[in-house]
Protein backbone atom coordinates (compact mmCIF):
# COMPACT_ATOMS: atom_id res chain seq x y z
CA MET A 1 21.70 10.50 17.75
CA ALA A 2 21.77 9.77 13.96
CA LYS A 3 18.87 7.39 12.68
CA LYS A 4 21.42 4.93 11.63
CA GLN A 5 22.93 4.66 15.06
CA SER A 6 19.48 4.40 16.66
CA SER A 7 18.64 1.72 14.28
CA THR A 8 21.76 -0.19 15.29
CA LEU A 9 20.70 0.22 19.08
CA ARG A 10 17.16 -1.08 18.41
CA ASN A 11 18.93 -4.34 17.08
CA SER A 12 21.38 -4.49 19.95
CA ALA A 13 21.38 -7.08 22.64
CA ALA A 14 20.35 -4.60 25.28
CA PHE A 15 17.29 -3.60 23.22
CA ARG A 16 16.42 -7.14 22.36
CA PHE A 17 16.64 -7.89 26.09
CA ALA A 18 14.49 -5.09 27.08
CA ARG A 19 11.82 -6.22 24.55
CA ARG A 20 12.13 -9.87 25.67
CA VAL A 21 11.31 -9.17 29.42
CA ALA A 22 8.54 -6.68 28.44
CA ARG A 23 6.53 -8.85 26.25
CA PRO A 24 4.67 -10.85 28.85
CA LEU A 25 3.74 -7.61 30.70
CA ARG A 26 2.49 -6.10 27.56
CA ARG A 27 0.28 -9.04 26.82
CA THR A 28 -1.33 -8.75 30.30
CA LEU A 29 -1.99 -5.04 30.20
CA GLY A 30 -4.78 -4.94 27.46
CA GLY A 31 -7.38 -2.20 27.83
CA LYS A 32 -6.64 0.80 30.06
CA GLY A 33 -6.05 -1.20 33.17
CA PRO A 34 -5.33 0.34 36.56
CA ALA A 35 -3.42 3.55 37.17
CA ARG A 36 0.15 2.80 36.85
CA ALA A 37 3.73 3.88 37.41
CA GLY A 38 7.23 2.72 36.50
CA VAL A 39 9.90 1.96 39.04
CA LEU A 40 13.29 2.09 37.01
CA MET A 41 15.88 -0.10 38.42
CA TYR A 42 19.68 0.91 37.91
CA HIS A 43 22.79 -0.42 39.25
CA ARG A 44 25.73 1.31 37.69
CA VAL A 45 26.42 4.23 35.42
CA ALA A 46 29.61 3.06 33.73
CA SER A 47 31.01 1.34 30.72
CA GLU A 48 32.48 -2.15 31.29
CA GLU A 49 33.98 -4.51 28.73
CA ASN A 50 31.61 -7.29 30.11
CA ASP A 51 28.34 -6.81 31.54
CA PRO A 52 26.63 -10.28 32.01
CA TRP A 53 23.77 -9.14 34.17
CA ASN A 54 22.92 -5.77 32.25
CA LEU A 55 24.12 -3.71 35.49
CA CYS A 56 25.79 -0.87 33.38
CA VAL A 57 24.22 2.25 31.55
CA ASN A 58 26.91 4.06 30.01
CA PRO A 59 27.11 7.83 31.13
CA ILE A 60 25.99 9.27 27.89
CA HIS A 61 23.04 7.13 27.59
CA PHE A 62 22.10 7.71 31.14
CA ALA A 63 21.90 11.35 30.67
CA GLU A 64 19.84 10.89 27.54
CA GLN A 65 17.34 8.86 29.68
CA MET A 66 17.22 11.38 32.55
CA GLU A 67 16.41 14.01 29.76
CA VAL A 68 13.50 11.99 28.61
CA ILE A 69 11.95 11.56 32.11
CA ALA A 70 12.32 15.32 32.56
CA ARG A 71 10.93 16.24 29.08
CA HIS A 72 7.87 14.22 29.85
CA ASP A 73 7.70 15.79 33.46
CA ALA A 74 7.26 12.16 34.77
CA ARG A 75 9.80 12.43 37.61
CA ILE A 76 8.59 11.28 41.12
CA ASP A 77 10.19 10.08 44.31
CA LEU A 78 9.61 6.53 45.20
CA ALA A 79 7.63 7.86 48.29
CA ALA A 80 4.62 8.90 45.93
CA LEU A 81 3.89 5.29 45.39
CA ALA A 82 3.08 4.69 48.93
CA GLY A 83 -0.38 6.36 48.18
CA ASP A 84 -2.70 6.27 45.09
CA GLY A 85 -1.53 9.57 43.98
CA GLY A 86 1.70 8.24 42.44
CA TYR A 87 -0.09 6.54 39.74
CA ASP A 88 -2.07 7.80 36.70
CA ARG A 89 -3.62 5.94 33.65
CA GLN A 90 -1.19 7.51 31.28
CA GLY A 91 1.77 5.97 33.18
CA ARG A 92 3.46 9.57 33.51
CA ARG A 93 5.01 8.61 36.64
CA LEU A 94 8.54 7.16 36.79
CA ALA A 95 10.69 6.68 40.15
CA VAL A 96 14.45 6.24 39.77
CA THR A 97 16.20 3.68 41.91
CA PHE A 98 19.82 2.56 42.25
CA ASP A 99 20.86 -0.85 43.83
CA ASP A 100 23.85 -1.68 45.85
CA GLY A 101 25.42 1.77 46.54
CA TYR A 102 28.19 1.75 43.87
CA ILE A 103 30.58 4.69 44.03
CA ASP A 104 29.56 5.69 40.33
CA ASN A 105 26.18 6.34 41.51
CA ILE A 106 27.59 9.43 43.16
CA THR A 107 30.26 10.31 40.78
CA CYS A 108 28.59 9.77 37.57
CA ALA A 109 24.92 9.61 38.16
CA LEU A 110 24.20 12.30 40.75
CA PRO A 111 25.52 15.19 38.51
CA VAL A 112 23.06 14.18 35.96
CA LEU A 113 20.12 13.67 38.41
CA GLU A 114 20.95 17.25 39.69
CA GLN A 115 21.02 18.73 36.24
CA PHE A 116 17.49 17.30 35.44
CA GLU A 117 16.23 17.71 38.83
CA ILE A 118 15.19 13.94 39.13
CA PRO A 119 14.66 12.36 42.66
CA ALA A 120 16.20 8.81 43.11
CA THR A 121 16.44 6.33 45.75
CA PHE A 122 19.82 4.66 46.49
CA PHE A 123 19.34 1.22 48.12
CA VAL A 124 22.63 0.67 50.03
CA VAL A 125 24.17 -2.42 51.18
CA ALA A 126 25.27 -1.39 54.66
CA GLY A 127 28.06 -4.01 55.13
CA ALA A 128 29.85 -2.79 51.73
CA LEU A 129 30.26 0.84 52.69
CA GLY A 130 33.85 1.77 52.47
CA ARG A 131 35.07 -1.70 51.42
CA ASN A 132 37.77 -1.36 48.96
CA ARG A 133 36.92 -4.40 47.18
CA GLU A 134 34.22 -5.49 44.55
CA PHE A 135 31.06 -6.92 45.14
CA TRP A 136 31.59 -10.71 44.69
CA TRP A 137 29.56 -10.94 41.39
CA ASP A 138 31.80 -8.23 39.84
CA GLY A 139 34.93 -10.23 40.92
CA LEU A 140 33.58 -13.29 39.54
CA GLU A 141 32.85 -11.54 36.30
CA ARG A 142 36.55 -10.09 36.06
CA ALA A 143 37.99 -13.64 36.97
CA ILE A 144 36.03 -15.80 34.31
CA LEU A 145 34.89 -13.37 31.62
CA GLY A 146 37.74 -10.98 31.68
CA ALA A 147 40.43 -10.81 28.99
CA GLY A 148 43.29 -13.39 29.06
CA SER A 149 43.45 -17.09 28.97
CA LEU A 150 42.35 -19.42 31.78
CA PRO A 151 43.89 -22.68 32.94
CA ASP A 152 42.23 -25.82 31.45
CA THR A 153 40.92 -27.08 34.82
CA LEU A 154 39.45 -25.65 37.92
CA ALA A 155 39.14 -27.76 41.04
CA MET A 156 38.29 -25.99 44.36
CA ASP A 157 36.45 -26.37 47.56
CA LEU A 158 33.34 -24.27 47.93
CA SER A 159 32.53 -24.21 51.75
CA GLY A 160 32.90 -27.97 51.95
CA ARG A 161 31.70 -28.77 48.59
CA ALA A 162 34.08 -30.00 45.67
CA PHE A 163 33.84 -28.01 42.55
CA GLU A 164 35.39 -29.10 39.35
CA PHE A 165 35.27 -27.84 35.81
CA GLU A 166 36.97 -28.48 32.48
CA LEU A 167 37.41 -25.81 30.15
CA LYS A 168 37.42 -25.99 26.34
CA GLU A 169 40.55 -24.95 24.31
CA GLY A 170 40.01 -21.80 22.31
CA ASP A 171 36.80 -20.40 23.72
CA GLY A 172 36.37 -16.84 22.72
CA LEU A 173 35.12 -13.91 24.62
CA PHE A 174 31.80 -12.51 23.75
CA PRO A 175 31.22 -9.09 25.43
CA GLU A 176 27.62 -8.90 24.41
CA TRP A 177 26.63 -12.04 26.05
CA ARG A 178 23.92 -11.54 28.72
CA ALA A 179 23.47 -14.28 31.36
CA ASP A 180 19.80 -13.75 31.77
CA HIS A 181 18.85 -13.53 28.09
CA HIS A 182 21.17 -15.80 26.28
CA ASP A 183 22.00 -19.46 26.61
CA ALA A 184 25.62 -20.21 27.78
CA GLN A 185 27.44 -21.31 24.63
CA THR A 186 31.10 -21.35 25.68
CA SER A 187 32.84 -23.15 28.58
CA ARG A 188 33.66 -19.82 30.12
CA GLN A 189 29.99 -18.82 30.17
CA LYS A 190 28.91 -22.03 31.49
CA LEU A 191 31.57 -21.87 34.14
CA PHE A 192 30.57 -18.31 35.08
CA LEU A 193 26.94 -19.44 35.59
CA ALA A 194 27.76 -22.53 37.46
CA LEU A 195 30.04 -20.77 39.97
CA TRP A 196 27.43 -17.84 40.40
CA ALA A 197 24.79 -20.43 41.29
CA GLU A 198 26.98 -21.97 44.08
CA ILE A 199 28.63 -18.71 45.45
CA VAL A 200 25.35 -16.85 45.77
CA LYS A 201 24.19 -19.14 48.58
CA LEU A 202 27.59 -18.93 50.50
CA ALA A 203 28.08 -16.84 53.85
CA PRO A 204 29.40 -13.40 52.89
CA ASP A 205 33.05 -14.15 54.04
CA ASP A 206 33.03 -17.46 52.18
CA GLN A 207 31.93 -15.53 49.02
CA ASP A 208 34.74 -13.22 49.34
CA ASP A 209 37.19 -15.96 49.77
CA ALA A 210 36.05 -17.95 46.84
CA VAL A 211 36.25 -15.13 44.48
CA ASP A 212 39.78 -14.19 45.70
CA ARG A 213 40.86 -17.78 45.14
CA LEU A 214 39.20 -17.67 41.59
CA LEU A 215 41.08 -14.40 40.82
CA VAL A 216 44.39 -16.08 41.80
CA TRP A 217 43.68 -19.05 39.68
CA ALA A 218 42.70 -16.82 36.79
CA LYS A 219 45.86 -14.77 37.26
CA LYS A 220 43.95 -11.37 37.85
CA PRO A 221 44.79 -8.97 40.52
CA ILE A 222 42.49 -9.37 43.60
CA ASP A 223 42.30 -5.69 44.08
CA ALA A 224 39.64 -3.93 41.83
CA ALA A 225 39.88 -0.68 40.20
CA LEU A 226 38.38 2.03 42.64
CA ASP A 227 35.38 3.03 40.36
CA ARG A 228 33.92 -0.53 40.69
CA VAL A 229 33.56 -0.62 44.55
CA ALA A 230 30.70 0.72 46.73
CA ALA A 231 30.54 4.35 48.10
CA SER A 232 31.91 4.96 51.61
CA ALA A 233 30.00 5.57 54.76
CA GLU A 234 30.92 9.28 54.66
CA ASP A 235 29.70 9.42 50.93
CA ILE A 236 26.26 8.13 51.81
CA ALA A 237 26.01 10.38 54.99
CA ARG A 238 26.64 13.46 53.09
CA LEU A 239 23.74 12.55 50.87
CA ALA A 240 21.29 12.46 53.89
CA ASP A 241 20.28 16.05 53.35
CA HIS A 242 20.51 16.11 49.45
CA PRO A 243 17.22 17.44 48.35
CA LEU A 244 16.72 14.72 45.54
CA ILE A 245 18.29 11.51 47.12
CA ARG A 246 16.76 9.29 49.68
CA ILE A 247 18.62 6.20 51.20
CA GLY A 248 16.98 2.78 51.33
CA SER A 249 18.16 -0.45 52.89
CA HIS A 250 19.40 -3.32 50.93
CA THR A 251 20.49 -5.62 53.91
CA VAL A 252 23.93 -5.70 55.49
CA ASN A 253 25.63 -8.20 53.16
CA HIS A 254 23.25 -8.57 50.04
CA VAL A 255 22.42 -12.08 50.79
CA SER A 256 19.77 -14.21 49.05
CA LEU A 257 17.11 -14.10 51.72
CA PRO A 258 15.09 -17.19 50.85
CA ASP A 259 18.42 -19.12 51.05
CA ILE A 260 19.13 -18.58 54.80
CA PRO A 261 17.36 -19.44 58.05
CA THR A 262 14.72 -17.00 59.34
CA GLU A 263 16.92 -15.63 62.12
CA THR A 264 19.69 -14.89 59.75
CA GLN A 265 17.06 -12.91 57.46
CA ARG A 266 15.92 -11.12 60.53
CA ASP A 267 19.56 -10.08 61.24
CA GLU A 268 20.28 -9.08 57.78
CA ILE A 269 17.12 -7.09 57.20
CA GLU A 270 16.90 -5.36 60.67
CA ARG A 271 20.61 -4.72 61.32
CA GLY A 272 21.13 -3.36 57.77
CA GLN A 273 18.23 -0.96 58.60
CA ALA A 274 19.73 -0.11 62.10
CA ILE A 275 23.24 0.75 60.63
CA LEU A 276 21.87 3.11 58.01
CA GLU A 277 19.49 4.86 60.44
CA GLU A 278 22.36 5.42 63.02
CA LEU A 279 24.68 6.54 60.27
CA LEU A 280 21.98 9.20 58.72
CA GLY A 281 20.29 10.01 62.11
CA ARG A 282 16.82 9.40 60.46
CA ARG A 283 14.15 6.88 59.92
CA ILE A 284 14.88 4.70 56.60
CA ASP A 285 11.34 4.33 55.03
CA ARG A 286 12.19 2.06 52.11
CA PHE A 287 13.74 -1.50 51.60
CA CYS A 288 14.87 -3.40 48.54
CA TYR A 289 15.32 -7.24 48.37
CA PRO A 290 18.84 -8.38 47.34
CA TYR A 291 18.69 -10.08 43.99
CA GLY A 292 14.95 -9.22 44.07
CA ARG A 293 14.47 -12.66 45.98
CA TYR A 294 12.12 -12.82 48.93
CA ASP A 295 9.79 -15.23 50.62
CA ASP A 296 6.90 -14.75 53.05
CA GLY A 297 9.06 -14.92 56.06
CA ALA A 298 11.34 -12.17 54.64
CA ARG A 299 8.34 -10.02 53.71
CA GLN A 300 6.91 -10.30 57.24
CA ILE A 301 10.24 -9.13 58.78
CA VAL A 302 10.36 -6.17 56.31
CA LYS A 303 6.83 -5.32 57.29
CA GLY A 304 7.91 -5.41 60.96
CA LEU A 305 10.17 -2.45 60.15
CA ASN A 306 7.19 -0.25 59.39
CA VAL A 307 8.85 0.82 56.02
CA ASP A 308 6.42 2.39 53.34
CA PHE A 309 7.35 0.12 50.57
CA ALA A 310 9.85 -2.56 49.41
CA CYS A 311 11.11 -3.20 45.97
CA THR A 312 11.67 -6.60 44.27
CA SER A 313 13.49 -7.14 40.82
CA ARG A 314 10.30 -8.83 39.50
CA GLU A 315 9.83 -7.32 36.01
CA GLY A 316 6.80 -5.34 35.61
CA ILE A 317 4.95 -1.81 36.08
CA ALA A 318 3.64 -0.87 39.53
CA THR A 319 -0.06 0.02 39.85
CA ASN A 320 -2.39 1.18 42.42
CA ARG A 321 -3.18 -2.30 43.23
CA SER A 322 0.47 -3.65 43.67
CA ASP A 323 1.68 -5.08 47.05
CA ARG A 324 3.45 -1.87 48.62
CA LEU A 325 5.96 -4.47 50.14
CA ALA A 326 6.74 -6.25 46.92
CA LEU A 327 6.85 -3.73 44.19
CA PRO A 328 7.97 -4.71 40.72
CA ARG A 329 10.57 -2.61 38.73
CA LEU A 330 11.84 -2.27 35.29
CA GLN A 331 15.46 -3.04 34.63
CA ILE A 332 17.05 -0.41 32.59
CA CYS A 333 19.41 -1.48 29.78
CA ASP A 334 22.11 0.61 27.99
CA LEU A 335 19.75 2.34 25.68
CA ASP A 336 19.94 5.71 23.95
CA GLY A 337 17.16 8.13 24.81
CA GLU A 338 15.19 7.43 21.66
CA CYS A 339 15.18 3.62 22.18
CA PHE A 340 14.59 4.21 26.01
CA THR A 341 11.53 6.13 25.08
CA GLN A 342 10.31 3.71 22.43
CA TRP A 343 10.74 0.98 25.05
CA LEU A 344 8.79 2.79 27.80
CA GLN A 345 5.96 3.66 25.46
CA SER A 346 5.40 0.70 23.19
CA GLU A 347 6.39 -2.15 25.56
CA HIS A 348 4.87 -0.78 29.06
CA ARG A 349 2.52 1.94 28.11
CA LEU A 350 4.59 4.52 30.08
CA ILE A 351 5.08 8.24 29.53
CA SER A 352 2.19 8.16 26.92
CA GLY A 353 1.22 11.60 25.52
CA ARG A 354 3.26 14.43 24.20
CA ALA A 355 6.42 15.48 25.72
CA SER A 356 6.88 19.26 26.99
CA VAL A 357 9.01 21.43 24.62
CA HIS A 358 11.95 23.34 26.24
């Protein structure tokens, strides 16, 4: 990529977001520190008009990022982090993970992973397999942040609680807005965050119902584009014998575990594991907490599954001292290969040293 384009990316919202979340970690590393590795967190390989949670890396940039990993010979499977051998003091160990099981993980990401021979873990929401509808957070984004005007007033019931909101006239759309980086400035952005905070706590069926009503209110189609949905059970089953791909559990319904009773936590965690093990005919040895959220009760239930490790969304590098049942990860933004390399090296002290020449 031309120098001018890379400079533009370094000043982009994605790169500023990546630098901001890395700074606290960089300050704490100091010295050489313990042996370390990076667990990279992806969700989608796609381009979307709005991406408030930084879930998308466009296919061109994803290929450049995978080429960087291959060139530095840093690729490992997540299983390597179950033992000390998965870490080194140069940070030349990177494990790729995908959350939620979007169909584009197979249609867009898998061919690139195969090209560069990079292993990856797909953390699958068992109850979403084959559902021809978006995850609720994607439907919410489409309803509130999608193109087109909205009614001036929203008044709805959310599982027995009244929700009312007044929108300001003339609020523009700002595709570069990131909900976990920028303050909400427009009434649409404030509405999006307020609804997200309420809907995340609802039961799965109530989440779907709330988003459907919001889409109708916003005059948007309820049915989503098929490239925005989760993979089917058949798709995931076909991956069971793929030499590069391992499947991990992400609960049944992608619920916020600390917000539900212990028995519901247990059902979500244990049943999600059982569904995938029956589908694949093998033990599932890895788990990921939805939204990265967990409490001691959820961790104890996961420990009872006898998995080798569990991932959070807590920003940071993994070290040989990390809790194997609460591994931190690095959320990957939509950066080109040059910026991706600079971010890993300067902000996280990963893939240090000279890359291989091919």
